[in-house]
C-alpha cells in the first residue's frame, strides 16, 4: 500500500468511495437500513459484530459477482483480502459504462487464465492492450489494411471488389495471433498471443 492509498483511506472524501452498485443485493441492504432507521431500531456496526479492528482481519467465505461471467472466470486460491476486492471493484468501475468493455474483459480472462485476483485486476487495468474482434475476417482485413497503409474509409471502399478482404483478414488474424474465446475473437497487441496457442484455439 503506497502513500496515495494511505492518504485516500485517512483523508478521502465521498467522491472517492467505491461504487456501491457493484455490491450484490445493495438495493435489499438499503431497504433494510431505511426500515430500521424509520423504526428507530439500532444498527450494529459490522466490525463490532465480527469482533475485528480492520476489514483486513476478516475472512471472506463467499464472494458473489454482480457482473455476468466475471466471477466464473476468476480463479484464486490465495484467499484475497477485502482490500484486494476493493481494488478490483475500483478498476471494474472504470470500464462499467464503456461499450463492450465487460465482454472484452471476459474474453481476456478466458484467454489469459490468471491464477490470482491480483492478476485478474492487472489484466483489467491493462485492458487497452487487447482488442475484441466483432466484425469477422472481412472487416478485420479492412481495418488492418487501414492501419498498415494509413488509408481512410473512402480509399478502402474503392478497393472493395479488387481485393479479397476476407482472405487478407484471415491471414492477418493468424499473423496477429488472434485467439478464439467464448466471448469472441481476441487480439493481444503487445506481445501477441503465441502462434501455437492461437492456432490451437482458432481451429477448435
N, C-alpha and C. Protein backbone atom coordinates (compact mmCIF):
# COMPACT_ATOMS: atom_id res chain seq x y z
N UNK A 1 0.85 -1.18 0.00
CA UNK A 1 0.00 0.00 0.00
C UNK A 1 0.89 1.24 0.00
N UNK A 2 0.69 2.12 -0.99
CA UNK A 2 1.53 3.30 -1.11
C UNK A 2 0.97 4.50 -0.36
N UNK A 3 1.70 5.62 -0.44
CA UNK A 3 1.29 6.84 0.26
C UNK A 3 -0.07 7.35 -0.23
N UNK A 4 -0.30 7.21 -1.53
CA UNK A 4 -1.58 7.69 -2.09
C UNK A 4 -2.76 6.91 -1.52
N UNK A 5 -2.59 5.59 -1.40
CA UNK A 5 -3.67 4.76 -0.85
C UNK A 5 -3.90 5.07 0.62
N UNK A 6 -2.80 5.33 1.35
CA UNK A 6 -2.93 5.66 2.77
C UNK A 6 -3.65 6.99 2.94
N UNK A 7 -3.27 7.98 2.12
CA UNK A 7 -3.91 9.29 2.20
C UNK A 7 -5.39 9.19 1.84
N UNK A 8 -5.70 8.37 0.87
CA UNK A 8 -7.11 8.20 0.49
C UNK A 8 -7.91 7.57 1.62
N UNK A 9 -7.31 6.61 2.31
CA UNK A 9 -8.00 5.94 3.42
C UNK A 9 -8.22 6.91 4.58
N UNK A 10 -7.21 7.74 4.89
CA UNK A 10 -7.29 8.62 6.06
C UNK A 10 -8.05 9.91 5.76
N UNK A 11 -7.90 10.43 4.54
CA UNK A 11 -8.43 11.76 4.24
C UNK A 11 -9.40 11.79 3.06
N UNK A 12 -9.79 10.63 2.57
CA UNK A 12 -10.66 10.57 1.40
C UNK A 12 -12.03 11.18 1.65
N UNK A 13 -12.64 11.67 0.57
CA UNK A 13 -13.98 12.24 0.69
C UNK A 13 -15.00 11.34 -0.01
N UNK A 14 -16.24 11.80 -0.08
CA UNK A 14 -17.32 10.98 -0.63
C UNK A 14 -17.06 10.63 -2.10
N UNK A 15 -16.44 11.52 -2.84
CA UNK A 15 -16.20 11.29 -4.27
C UNK A 15 -15.25 10.11 -4.51
N UNK A 16 -14.51 9.71 -3.49
CA UNK A 16 -13.53 8.64 -3.66
C UNK A 16 -14.04 7.28 -3.17
N UNK A 17 -15.28 7.22 -2.75
CA UNK A 17 -15.84 5.95 -2.30
C UNK A 17 -16.03 5.01 -3.49
N UNK A 18 -15.94 3.71 -3.25
CA UNK A 18 -16.18 2.73 -4.30
C UNK A 18 -17.66 2.71 -4.66
N UNK A 19 -17.95 2.38 -5.89
CA UNK A 19 -19.34 2.39 -6.36
C UNK A 19 -20.16 1.34 -5.63
N UNK A 20 -21.17 1.72 -4.85
CA UNK A 20 -21.95 0.75 -4.09
C UNK A 20 -22.77 -0.18 -4.98
N UNK A 21 -23.07 0.24 -6.20
CA UNK A 21 -23.89 -0.60 -7.06
C UNK A 21 -23.16 -1.88 -7.51
N UNK A 22 -21.85 -1.92 -7.33
CA UNK A 22 -21.09 -3.12 -7.69
C UNK A 22 -21.28 -4.24 -6.67
N UNK A 23 -21.84 -3.92 -5.52
CA UNK A 23 -22.06 -4.93 -4.50
C UNK A 23 -23.39 -5.64 -4.74
N UNK A 24 -23.43 -6.96 -4.63
CA UNK A 24 -24.70 -7.68 -4.82
C UNK A 24 -25.69 -7.36 -3.71
N UNK A 25 -26.98 -7.35 -4.05
CA UNK A 25 -28.08 -7.14 -3.08
C UNK A 25 -28.00 -5.77 -2.41
N UNK A 26 -27.42 -4.77 -3.10
CA UNK A 26 -27.32 -3.45 -2.49
C UNK A 26 -28.71 -2.83 -2.28
N UNK A 27 -29.62 -3.04 -3.23
CA UNK A 27 -30.98 -2.50 -3.08
C UNK A 27 -31.65 -3.08 -1.84
N UNK A 28 -31.44 -4.37 -1.60
CA UNK A 28 -32.03 -5.01 -0.43
C UNK A 28 -31.44 -4.44 0.86
N UNK A 29 -30.12 -4.20 0.85
CA UNK A 29 -29.46 -3.65 2.04
C UNK A 29 -29.98 -2.24 2.35
N UNK A 30 -30.14 -1.43 1.31
CA UNK A 30 -30.64 -0.07 1.51
C UNK A 30 -32.06 -0.11 2.08
N UNK A 31 -32.87 -1.03 1.57
CA UNK A 31 -34.23 -1.17 2.08
C UNK A 31 -34.27 -1.52 3.55
N UNK A 32 -33.38 -2.42 3.96
CA UNK A 32 -33.33 -2.82 5.36
C UNK A 32 -32.92 -1.65 6.24
N UNK A 33 -31.89 -0.90 5.79
CA UNK A 33 -31.42 0.25 6.56
C UNK A 33 -32.52 1.31 6.69
N UNK A 34 -33.23 1.57 5.60
CA UNK A 34 -34.31 2.55 5.65
C UNK A 34 -35.40 2.13 6.64
N UNK A 35 -35.70 0.84 6.62
CA UNK A 35 -36.74 0.32 7.52
C UNK A 35 -36.31 0.46 8.98
N UNK A 36 -35.05 0.10 9.29
CA UNK A 36 -34.56 0.17 10.66
C UNK A 36 -34.49 1.61 11.15
N UNK A 37 -34.06 2.51 10.25
CA UNK A 37 -33.96 3.92 10.64
C UNK A 37 -35.35 4.49 10.93
N UNK A 38 -36.34 4.15 10.08
CA UNK A 38 -37.70 4.65 10.29
C UNK A 38 -38.30 4.11 11.58
N UNK A 39 -37.86 2.91 11.99
CA UNK A 39 -38.37 2.31 13.23
C UNK A 39 -37.58 2.77 14.46
N UNK A 40 -36.48 3.48 14.21
CA UNK A 40 -35.63 3.89 15.32
C UNK A 40 -34.87 2.73 15.93
N UNK A 41 -34.72 1.65 15.16
CA UNK A 41 -34.03 0.46 15.67
C UNK A 41 -32.52 0.65 15.58
N UNK A 42 -31.77 0.01 16.50
CA UNK A 42 -30.31 0.13 16.44
C UNK A 42 -29.73 -0.63 15.26
N UNK A 43 -28.62 -0.12 14.73
CA UNK A 43 -27.93 -0.77 13.61
C UNK A 43 -26.53 -1.15 14.10
N UNK A 44 -26.23 -2.43 14.05
CA UNK A 44 -24.94 -2.91 14.55
C UNK A 44 -23.85 -2.69 13.51
N UNK A 45 -22.74 -2.15 13.92
CA UNK A 45 -21.60 -1.96 13.03
C UNK A 45 -20.95 -3.32 12.73
N UNK A 46 -20.64 -3.55 11.45
CA UNK A 46 -20.14 -4.86 11.03
C UNK A 46 -18.87 -5.27 11.78
N UNK A 47 -17.93 -4.33 11.91
CA UNK A 47 -16.66 -4.68 12.57
C UNK A 47 -16.88 -5.06 14.03
N UNK A 48 -17.84 -4.41 14.68
CA UNK A 48 -18.17 -4.80 16.05
C UNK A 48 -18.78 -6.20 16.08
N UNK A 49 -19.64 -6.48 15.12
CA UNK A 49 -20.32 -7.77 15.07
C UNK A 49 -19.32 -8.92 14.91
N UNK A 50 -18.33 -8.71 14.05
CA UNK A 50 -17.34 -9.77 13.81
C UNK A 50 -16.13 -9.67 14.73
N UNK A 51 -16.14 -8.68 15.63
CA UNK A 51 -15.05 -8.52 16.59
C UNK A 51 -13.70 -8.39 15.89
N UNK A 52 -13.62 -7.47 14.92
CA UNK A 52 -12.37 -7.21 14.21
C UNK A 52 -12.10 -5.71 14.25
N UNK A 53 -10.82 -5.34 14.16
CA UNK A 53 -10.43 -3.93 14.18
C UNK A 53 -10.45 -3.32 12.78
N UNK A 54 -10.00 -4.09 11.79
CA UNK A 54 -9.98 -3.63 10.40
C UNK A 54 -10.51 -4.76 9.52
N UNK A 55 -11.01 -4.40 8.35
CA UNK A 55 -11.58 -5.40 7.46
C UNK A 55 -10.54 -6.40 6.96
N UNK A 56 -9.26 -6.00 6.99
CA UNK A 56 -8.21 -6.92 6.55
C UNK A 56 -8.15 -8.16 7.44
N UNK A 57 -8.70 -8.05 8.67
CA UNK A 57 -8.69 -9.20 9.57
C UNK A 57 -9.83 -10.17 9.28
N UNK A 58 -10.76 -9.76 8.42
CA UNK A 58 -11.92 -10.60 8.14
C UNK A 58 -11.55 -11.70 7.15
N UNK A 59 -12.20 -12.86 7.30
CA UNK A 59 -12.02 -13.96 6.35
C UNK A 59 -13.24 -14.00 5.43
N UNK A 60 -13.00 -13.93 4.14
CA UNK A 60 -14.09 -13.94 3.17
C UNK A 60 -14.47 -15.38 2.86
N UNK A 61 -15.72 -15.73 3.17
CA UNK A 61 -16.18 -17.11 2.98
C UNK A 61 -16.95 -17.28 1.68
N UNK A 62 -17.56 -16.22 1.18
CA UNK A 62 -18.38 -16.34 -0.02
C UNK A 62 -18.33 -15.03 -0.79
N UNK A 63 -17.91 -15.07 -2.05
CA UNK A 63 -17.83 -13.90 -2.90
C UNK A 63 -18.77 -14.09 -4.09
N UNK A 64 -19.61 -13.10 -4.34
CA UNK A 64 -20.52 -13.16 -5.47
C UNK A 64 -20.33 -11.91 -6.33
N UNK A 65 -20.23 -12.14 -7.63
CA UNK A 65 -20.03 -11.04 -8.57
C UNK A 65 -21.36 -10.70 -9.23
N UNK A 66 -21.71 -9.43 -9.18
CA UNK A 66 -22.93 -8.98 -9.85
C UNK A 66 -22.75 -8.93 -11.36
N UNK A 67 -21.52 -8.74 -11.81
CA UNK A 67 -21.23 -8.66 -13.24
C UNK A 67 -21.29 -10.06 -13.86
N UNK A 68 -22.04 -10.24 -14.95
CA UNK A 68 -22.13 -11.57 -15.58
C UNK A 68 -20.77 -12.10 -16.02
N UNK A 69 -20.58 -13.41 -15.90
CA UNK A 69 -19.42 -14.15 -16.40
C UNK A 69 -18.15 -13.96 -15.56
N UNK A 70 -17.94 -12.78 -15.00
CA UNK A 70 -16.64 -12.46 -14.43
C UNK A 70 -16.28 -13.40 -13.28
N UNK A 71 -17.22 -13.63 -12.36
CA UNK A 71 -16.94 -14.48 -11.21
C UNK A 71 -16.55 -15.90 -11.60
N UNK A 72 -17.13 -16.40 -12.69
CA UNK A 72 -16.83 -17.76 -13.13
C UNK A 72 -15.44 -17.88 -13.75
N UNK A 73 -14.89 -16.74 -14.19
CA UNK A 73 -13.62 -16.77 -14.92
C UNK A 73 -12.42 -16.44 -14.04
N UNK A 74 -12.66 -16.03 -12.79
CA UNK A 74 -11.56 -15.69 -11.89
C UNK A 74 -11.29 -16.86 -10.96
N UNK A 75 -10.08 -17.36 -11.01
CA UNK A 75 -9.67 -18.48 -10.16
C UNK A 75 -8.64 -17.97 -9.16
N UNK A 76 -8.91 -18.16 -7.90
CA UNK A 76 -7.97 -17.67 -6.89
C UNK A 76 -8.02 -18.58 -5.67
N UNK A 77 -6.88 -19.13 -5.33
CA UNK A 77 -6.78 -20.00 -4.15
C UNK A 77 -5.99 -19.33 -3.03
N UNK A 78 -5.67 -18.04 -3.19
CA UNK A 78 -4.84 -17.33 -2.22
C UNK A 78 -5.63 -16.59 -1.15
N UNK A 79 -6.98 -16.74 -1.16
CA UNK A 79 -7.82 -16.06 -0.16
C UNK A 79 -7.54 -14.55 -0.13
N UNK A 80 -7.91 -13.82 -1.16
CA UNK A 80 -7.64 -12.38 -1.21
C UNK A 80 -8.29 -11.64 -0.05
N UNK A 81 -7.68 -10.54 0.35
CA UNK A 81 -8.21 -9.72 1.43
C UNK A 81 -9.30 -8.80 0.89
N UNK A 82 -10.03 -8.19 1.83
CA UNK A 82 -11.08 -7.26 1.45
C UNK A 82 -10.52 -6.13 0.58
N UNK A 83 -9.32 -5.64 0.94
CA UNK A 83 -8.71 -4.55 0.17
C UNK A 83 -8.47 -4.96 -1.28
N UNK A 84 -8.12 -6.24 -1.50
CA UNK A 84 -7.90 -6.71 -2.87
C UNK A 84 -9.19 -6.62 -3.69
N UNK A 85 -10.29 -7.01 -3.06
CA UNK A 85 -11.57 -6.92 -3.77
C UNK A 85 -12.01 -5.47 -3.96
N UNK A 86 -11.66 -4.61 -3.03
CA UNK A 86 -11.95 -3.18 -3.21
C UNK A 86 -11.18 -2.61 -4.40
N UNK A 87 -9.90 -2.99 -4.50
CA UNK A 87 -9.08 -2.54 -5.64
C UNK A 87 -9.69 -3.04 -6.95
N UNK A 88 -10.13 -4.28 -6.94
CA UNK A 88 -10.73 -4.87 -8.13
C UNK A 88 -12.02 -4.14 -8.51
N UNK A 89 -12.85 -3.85 -7.49
CA UNK A 89 -14.11 -3.14 -7.74
C UNK A 89 -13.86 -1.75 -8.31
N UNK A 90 -12.81 -1.09 -7.82
CA UNK A 90 -12.47 0.25 -8.32
C UNK A 90 -12.06 0.19 -9.78
N UNK A 91 -11.24 -0.81 -10.13
CA UNK A 91 -10.80 -0.95 -11.52
C UNK A 91 -11.98 -1.33 -12.41
N UNK A 92 -12.88 -2.16 -11.90
CA UNK A 92 -14.04 -2.58 -12.68
C UNK A 92 -14.98 -1.41 -12.93
N UNK A 93 -15.07 -0.51 -11.98
CA UNK A 93 -15.92 0.67 -12.13
C UNK A 93 -15.47 1.54 -13.30
N UNK A 94 -14.16 1.56 -13.55
CA UNK A 94 -13.62 2.40 -14.62
C UNK A 94 -14.13 1.98 -16.00
N UNK A 95 -14.48 0.70 -16.19
CA UNK A 95 -14.93 0.24 -17.51
C UNK A 95 -16.42 -0.04 -17.53
N UNK A 96 -17.10 0.23 -16.42
CA UNK A 96 -18.51 -0.17 -16.26
C UNK A 96 -19.39 0.36 -17.38
N UNK A 97 -19.20 1.62 -17.78
CA UNK A 97 -20.06 2.25 -18.76
C UNK A 97 -19.47 2.24 -20.18
N UNK A 98 -18.32 1.61 -20.36
CA UNK A 98 -17.71 1.58 -21.69
C UNK A 98 -18.33 0.48 -22.54
N UNK A 99 -18.78 0.83 -23.71
CA UNK A 99 -19.48 -0.11 -24.58
C UNK A 99 -18.59 -1.29 -24.95
N UNK A 100 -19.03 -2.50 -24.61
CA UNK A 100 -18.31 -3.72 -24.97
C UNK A 100 -17.12 -4.05 -24.09
N UNK A 101 -16.79 -3.19 -23.13
CA UNK A 101 -15.58 -3.40 -22.32
C UNK A 101 -15.69 -4.64 -21.44
N UNK A 102 -16.87 -4.89 -20.87
CA UNK A 102 -17.02 -6.06 -20.00
C UNK A 102 -16.87 -7.36 -20.79
N UNK A 103 -17.40 -7.40 -22.01
CA UNK A 103 -17.23 -8.59 -22.84
C UNK A 103 -15.76 -8.77 -23.24
N UNK A 104 -15.08 -7.67 -23.52
CA UNK A 104 -13.65 -7.76 -23.82
C UNK A 104 -12.89 -8.31 -22.63
N UNK A 105 -13.22 -7.83 -21.43
CA UNK A 105 -12.54 -8.30 -20.23
C UNK A 105 -12.82 -9.78 -19.99
N UNK A 106 -14.06 -10.21 -20.23
CA UNK A 106 -14.38 -11.63 -20.08
C UNK A 106 -13.56 -12.47 -21.05
N UNK A 107 -13.40 -11.99 -22.28
CA UNK A 107 -12.58 -12.70 -23.27
C UNK A 107 -11.13 -12.76 -22.82
N UNK A 108 -10.62 -11.67 -22.25
CA UNK A 108 -9.24 -11.62 -21.77
C UNK A 108 -9.04 -12.63 -20.64
N UNK A 109 -9.99 -12.69 -19.70
CA UNK A 109 -9.88 -13.63 -18.59
C UNK A 109 -9.85 -15.08 -19.10
N UNK A 110 -10.69 -15.37 -20.08
CA UNK A 110 -10.73 -16.73 -20.62
C UNK A 110 -9.41 -17.08 -21.32
N UNK A 111 -8.86 -16.12 -22.05
CA UNK A 111 -7.63 -16.38 -22.80
C UNK A 111 -6.40 -16.41 -21.91
N UNK A 112 -6.32 -15.52 -20.95
CA UNK A 112 -5.12 -15.39 -20.12
C UNK A 112 -5.13 -16.32 -18.90
N UNK A 113 -6.31 -16.64 -18.38
CA UNK A 113 -6.48 -17.53 -17.23
C UNK A 113 -5.58 -17.13 -16.05
N UNK A 114 -5.79 -15.95 -15.48
CA UNK A 114 -4.96 -15.53 -14.34
C UNK A 114 -5.20 -16.42 -13.13
N UNK A 115 -4.14 -16.65 -12.35
CA UNK A 115 -4.22 -17.55 -11.21
C UNK A 115 -4.70 -16.86 -9.93
N UNK A 116 -4.63 -15.54 -9.90
CA UNK A 116 -4.98 -14.81 -8.68
C UNK A 116 -5.88 -13.62 -9.02
N UNK A 117 -6.56 -13.11 -8.00
CA UNK A 117 -7.38 -11.93 -8.19
C UNK A 117 -6.51 -10.73 -8.58
N UNK A 118 -5.33 -10.64 -8.00
CA UNK A 118 -4.44 -9.54 -8.36
C UNK A 118 -4.03 -9.61 -9.83
N UNK A 119 -3.83 -10.83 -10.32
CA UNK A 119 -3.52 -10.99 -11.74
C UNK A 119 -4.69 -10.57 -12.61
N UNK A 120 -5.91 -10.92 -12.17
CA UNK A 120 -7.10 -10.51 -12.91
C UNK A 120 -7.26 -9.00 -12.89
N UNK A 121 -6.93 -8.38 -11.78
CA UNK A 121 -7.02 -6.92 -11.65
C UNK A 121 -5.99 -6.24 -12.55
N UNK A 122 -4.80 -6.82 -12.64
CA UNK A 122 -3.75 -6.26 -13.50
C UNK A 122 -4.18 -6.30 -14.97
N UNK A 123 -4.82 -7.41 -15.37
CA UNK A 123 -5.33 -7.50 -16.74
C UNK A 123 -6.41 -6.45 -16.99
N UNK A 124 -7.23 -6.23 -15.98
CA UNK A 124 -8.29 -5.24 -16.10
C UNK A 124 -7.73 -3.84 -16.30
N UNK A 125 -6.67 -3.52 -15.57
CA UNK A 125 -6.07 -2.20 -15.69
C UNK A 125 -5.33 -2.03 -17.02
N UNK A 126 -5.00 -3.13 -17.68
CA UNK A 126 -4.29 -3.07 -18.96
C UNK A 126 -5.19 -3.51 -20.12
N UNK A 127 -6.48 -3.26 -20.00
CA UNK A 127 -7.43 -3.74 -21.00
C UNK A 127 -7.20 -3.11 -22.37
N UNK A 128 -6.57 -1.95 -22.42
CA UNK A 128 -6.29 -1.29 -23.70
C UNK A 128 -5.31 -2.08 -24.56
N UNK A 129 -4.65 -3.07 -23.96
CA UNK A 129 -3.70 -3.89 -24.70
C UNK A 129 -4.39 -5.02 -25.47
N UNK A 130 -5.72 -5.05 -25.42
CA UNK A 130 -6.48 -6.13 -26.07
C UNK A 130 -7.55 -5.55 -26.99
N UNK A 131 -7.85 -6.31 -28.03
CA UNK A 131 -8.91 -5.93 -28.96
C UNK A 131 -9.82 -7.12 -29.20
N UNK A 132 -11.10 -6.95 -28.87
CA UNK A 132 -12.08 -8.00 -29.18
C UNK A 132 -12.61 -7.73 -30.58
N UNK A 133 -12.51 -8.73 -31.45
CA UNK A 133 -12.85 -8.57 -32.85
C UNK A 133 -14.29 -9.02 -33.06
N UNK A 134 -15.12 -8.10 -33.52
CA UNK A 134 -16.55 -8.39 -33.67
C UNK A 134 -17.01 -8.39 -35.12
N UNK A 135 -16.17 -7.90 -36.05
CA UNK A 135 -16.64 -7.72 -37.42
C UNK A 135 -16.30 -8.88 -38.35
N UNK A 136 -15.62 -9.93 -37.86
CA UNK A 136 -15.26 -11.06 -38.71
C UNK A 136 -14.02 -10.79 -39.53
N UNK A 137 -13.63 -11.80 -40.33
CA UNK A 137 -12.38 -11.71 -41.09
C UNK A 137 -12.43 -10.59 -42.13
N UNK A 138 -13.59 -10.40 -42.78
CA UNK A 138 -13.71 -9.37 -43.81
C UNK A 138 -13.45 -7.97 -43.23
N UNK A 139 -14.16 -7.65 -42.16
CA UNK A 139 -13.99 -6.35 -41.53
C UNK A 139 -12.62 -6.18 -40.91
N UNK A 140 -12.07 -7.27 -40.37
CA UNK A 140 -10.74 -7.19 -39.78
C UNK A 140 -9.70 -6.92 -40.85
N UNK A 141 -9.89 -7.52 -42.03
CA UNK A 141 -8.96 -7.27 -43.14
C UNK A 141 -8.98 -5.81 -43.55
N UNK A 142 -10.17 -5.21 -43.61
CA UNK A 142 -10.27 -3.79 -43.94
C UNK A 142 -9.58 -2.93 -42.89
N UNK A 143 -9.84 -3.26 -41.62
CA UNK A 143 -9.25 -2.49 -40.52
C UNK A 143 -7.73 -2.55 -40.54
N UNK A 144 -7.18 -3.75 -40.73
CA UNK A 144 -5.73 -3.91 -40.69
C UNK A 144 -5.07 -3.24 -41.91
N UNK A 145 -5.77 -3.24 -43.06
CA UNK A 145 -5.22 -2.55 -44.23
C UNK A 145 -5.18 -1.05 -43.98
N UNK A 146 -6.21 -0.53 -43.34
CA UNK A 146 -6.21 0.89 -42.99
C UNK A 146 -5.07 1.23 -42.04
N UNK A 147 -4.88 0.38 -41.04
CA UNK A 147 -3.81 0.62 -40.06
C UNK A 147 -2.43 0.54 -40.71
N UNK A 148 -2.26 -0.44 -41.59
CA UNK A 148 -0.95 -0.67 -42.20
C UNK A 148 -0.57 0.42 -43.20
N UNK A 149 -1.52 0.83 -44.02
CA UNK A 149 -1.22 1.78 -45.10
C UNK A 149 -1.70 3.19 -44.81
N UNK A 150 -2.40 3.38 -43.69
CA UNK A 150 -2.89 4.71 -43.35
C UNK A 150 -4.01 5.18 -44.27
N UNK A 151 -4.87 4.26 -44.72
CA UNK A 151 -5.94 4.60 -45.65
C UNK A 151 -7.17 5.10 -44.89
N UNK A 152 -7.95 5.94 -45.58
CA UNK A 152 -9.22 6.36 -44.99
C UNK A 152 -10.33 5.42 -45.46
N UNK A 153 -11.54 5.63 -44.93
CA UNK A 153 -12.66 4.74 -45.25
C UNK A 153 -12.98 4.76 -46.75
N UNK A 154 -12.89 5.93 -47.36
CA UNK A 154 -13.22 6.05 -48.79
C UNK A 154 -12.25 5.23 -49.65
N UNK A 155 -10.98 5.26 -49.28
CA UNK A 155 -9.98 4.51 -50.05
C UNK A 155 -10.22 3.01 -49.94
N UNK A 156 -10.56 2.55 -48.74
CA UNK A 156 -10.84 1.13 -48.54
C UNK A 156 -12.09 0.73 -49.32
N UNK A 157 -13.10 1.60 -49.33
CA UNK A 157 -14.33 1.32 -50.07
C UNK A 157 -14.04 1.16 -51.57
N UNK A 158 -13.13 1.98 -52.11
CA UNK A 158 -12.79 1.91 -53.53
C UNK A 158 -12.07 0.61 -53.87
N UNK A 159 -11.38 0.04 -52.87
CA UNK A 159 -10.67 -1.22 -53.11
C UNK A 159 -11.59 -2.43 -53.07
N UNK A 160 -12.79 -2.24 -52.55
CA UNK A 160 -13.74 -3.35 -52.45
C UNK A 160 -14.07 -3.86 -53.85
N UNK A 161 -13.93 -5.15 -54.04
CA UNK A 161 -14.15 -5.75 -55.36
C UNK A 161 -12.86 -6.05 -56.08
N UNK A 162 -11.78 -5.36 -55.65
CA UNK A 162 -10.47 -5.61 -56.25
C UNK A 162 -9.56 -6.42 -55.31
N UNK A 163 -9.98 -6.51 -54.06
CA UNK A 163 -9.13 -7.18 -53.06
C UNK A 163 -9.97 -8.14 -52.25
N UNK A 164 -9.40 -9.29 -51.94
CA UNK A 164 -10.10 -10.29 -51.13
C UNK A 164 -9.87 -9.97 -49.65
N UNK A 165 -10.73 -9.11 -49.10
CA UNK A 165 -10.58 -8.71 -47.71
C UNK A 165 -10.78 -9.88 -46.75
N UNK A 166 -11.61 -10.83 -47.13
CA UNK A 166 -11.85 -12.00 -46.28
C UNK A 166 -10.57 -12.79 -46.08
N UNK A 167 -9.88 -13.10 -47.19
CA UNK A 167 -8.63 -13.87 -47.11
C UNK A 167 -7.54 -13.06 -46.42
N UNK A 168 -7.47 -11.77 -46.75
CA UNK A 168 -6.47 -10.92 -46.11
C UNK A 168 -6.71 -10.85 -44.60
N UNK A 169 -7.99 -10.73 -44.19
CA UNK A 169 -8.31 -10.69 -42.77
C UNK A 169 -7.93 -11.98 -42.06
N UNK A 170 -8.16 -13.13 -42.70
CA UNK A 170 -7.79 -14.41 -42.11
C UNK A 170 -6.27 -14.51 -41.93
N UNK A 171 -5.54 -14.07 -42.94
CA UNK A 171 -4.08 -14.09 -42.84
C UNK A 171 -3.59 -13.16 -41.72
N UNK A 172 -4.21 -11.98 -41.62
CA UNK A 172 -3.83 -11.04 -40.57
C UNK A 172 -4.13 -11.61 -39.18
N UNK A 173 -5.27 -12.26 -39.04
CA UNK A 173 -5.61 -12.87 -37.75
C UNK A 173 -4.56 -13.89 -37.33
N UNK A 174 -4.11 -14.68 -38.31
CA UNK A 174 -3.09 -15.69 -38.00
C UNK A 174 -1.77 -15.03 -37.63
N UNK A 175 -1.38 -14.00 -38.38
CA UNK A 175 -0.12 -13.30 -38.11
C UNK A 175 -0.17 -12.50 -36.81
N UNK A 176 -1.36 -12.00 -36.47
CA UNK A 176 -1.51 -11.18 -35.27
C UNK A 176 -1.75 -12.01 -34.01
N UNK A 177 -1.81 -13.33 -34.17
CA UNK A 177 -2.01 -14.18 -33.00
C UNK A 177 -3.41 -14.09 -32.42
N UNK A 178 -4.41 -13.84 -33.25
CA UNK A 178 -5.79 -13.75 -32.77
C UNK A 178 -6.23 -15.11 -32.25
N UNK A 179 -6.87 -15.11 -31.09
CA UNK A 179 -7.31 -16.36 -30.48
C UNK A 179 -8.82 -16.34 -30.28
N UNK A 180 -9.41 -17.52 -30.21
CA UNK A 180 -10.86 -17.65 -30.10
C UNK A 180 -11.26 -17.85 -28.65
N UNK A 181 -12.29 -17.11 -28.20
CA UNK A 181 -12.85 -17.30 -26.86
C UNK A 181 -14.36 -17.42 -26.98
N UNK A 182 -14.99 -17.77 -25.88
CA UNK A 182 -16.45 -17.87 -25.85
C UNK A 182 -17.10 -16.51 -26.11
N UNK A 183 -16.34 -15.44 -25.87
CA UNK A 183 -16.88 -14.07 -25.98
C UNK A 183 -16.43 -13.36 -27.26
N UNK A 184 -15.86 -14.12 -28.18
CA UNK A 184 -15.44 -13.55 -29.45
C UNK A 184 -13.94 -13.71 -29.68
N UNK A 185 -13.50 -13.34 -30.87
CA UNK A 185 -12.08 -13.39 -31.20
C UNK A 185 -11.35 -12.28 -30.46
N UNK A 186 -10.12 -12.61 -30.02
CA UNK A 186 -9.37 -11.66 -29.20
C UNK A 186 -7.94 -11.53 -29.71
N UNK A 187 -7.49 -10.29 -29.75
CA UNK A 187 -6.11 -9.99 -30.15
C UNK A 187 -5.40 -9.30 -29.00
N UNK A 188 -4.20 -9.78 -28.67
CA UNK A 188 -3.35 -9.09 -27.70
C UNK A 188 -2.31 -8.30 -28.49
N UNK A 189 -2.26 -7.00 -28.22
CA UNK A 189 -1.43 -6.12 -29.03
C UNK A 189 0.06 -6.31 -28.76
N UNK A 190 0.45 -6.36 -27.48
CA UNK A 190 1.88 -6.42 -27.16
C UNK A 190 2.11 -7.19 -25.85
N UNK A 191 2.76 -8.37 -25.95
CA UNK A 191 3.10 -9.08 -27.18
C UNK A 191 1.89 -9.87 -27.68
N UNK A 192 1.86 -10.25 -28.96
CA UNK A 192 0.74 -11.06 -29.46
C UNK A 192 0.71 -12.42 -28.77
N UNK A 193 -0.47 -13.06 -28.80
CA UNK A 193 -0.55 -14.42 -28.27
C UNK A 193 0.39 -15.32 -29.07
N UNK A 194 0.99 -16.33 -28.43
CA UNK A 194 1.87 -17.26 -29.15
C UNK A 194 1.14 -17.91 -30.31
N UNK A 195 1.85 -18.12 -31.42
CA UNK A 195 1.22 -18.67 -32.62
C UNK A 195 0.61 -20.03 -32.36
N UNK A 196 1.29 -20.88 -31.59
CA UNK A 196 0.79 -22.22 -31.33
C UNK A 196 -0.53 -22.15 -30.55
N UNK A 197 -0.58 -21.26 -29.58
CA UNK A 197 -1.79 -21.13 -28.78
C UNK A 197 -2.97 -20.69 -29.63
N UNK A 198 -2.76 -19.67 -30.45
CA UNK A 198 -3.87 -19.15 -31.24
C UNK A 198 -4.29 -20.13 -32.32
N UNK A 199 -3.34 -20.89 -32.89
CA UNK A 199 -3.70 -21.90 -33.88
C UNK A 199 -4.59 -22.97 -33.26
N UNK A 200 -4.22 -23.43 -32.06
CA UNK A 200 -4.99 -24.48 -31.40
C UNK A 200 -6.40 -23.98 -31.10
N UNK A 201 -6.55 -22.77 -30.65
CA UNK A 201 -7.85 -22.27 -30.25
C UNK A 201 -8.69 -21.81 -31.42
N UNK A 202 -8.08 -21.27 -32.47
CA UNK A 202 -8.84 -20.78 -33.62
C UNK A 202 -9.54 -21.91 -34.34
N UNK A 203 -8.94 -23.12 -34.34
CA UNK A 203 -9.49 -24.20 -35.13
C UNK A 203 -10.13 -25.30 -34.29
N UNK A 204 -10.38 -25.01 -33.01
CA UNK A 204 -11.08 -25.97 -32.16
C UNK A 204 -12.57 -25.97 -32.51
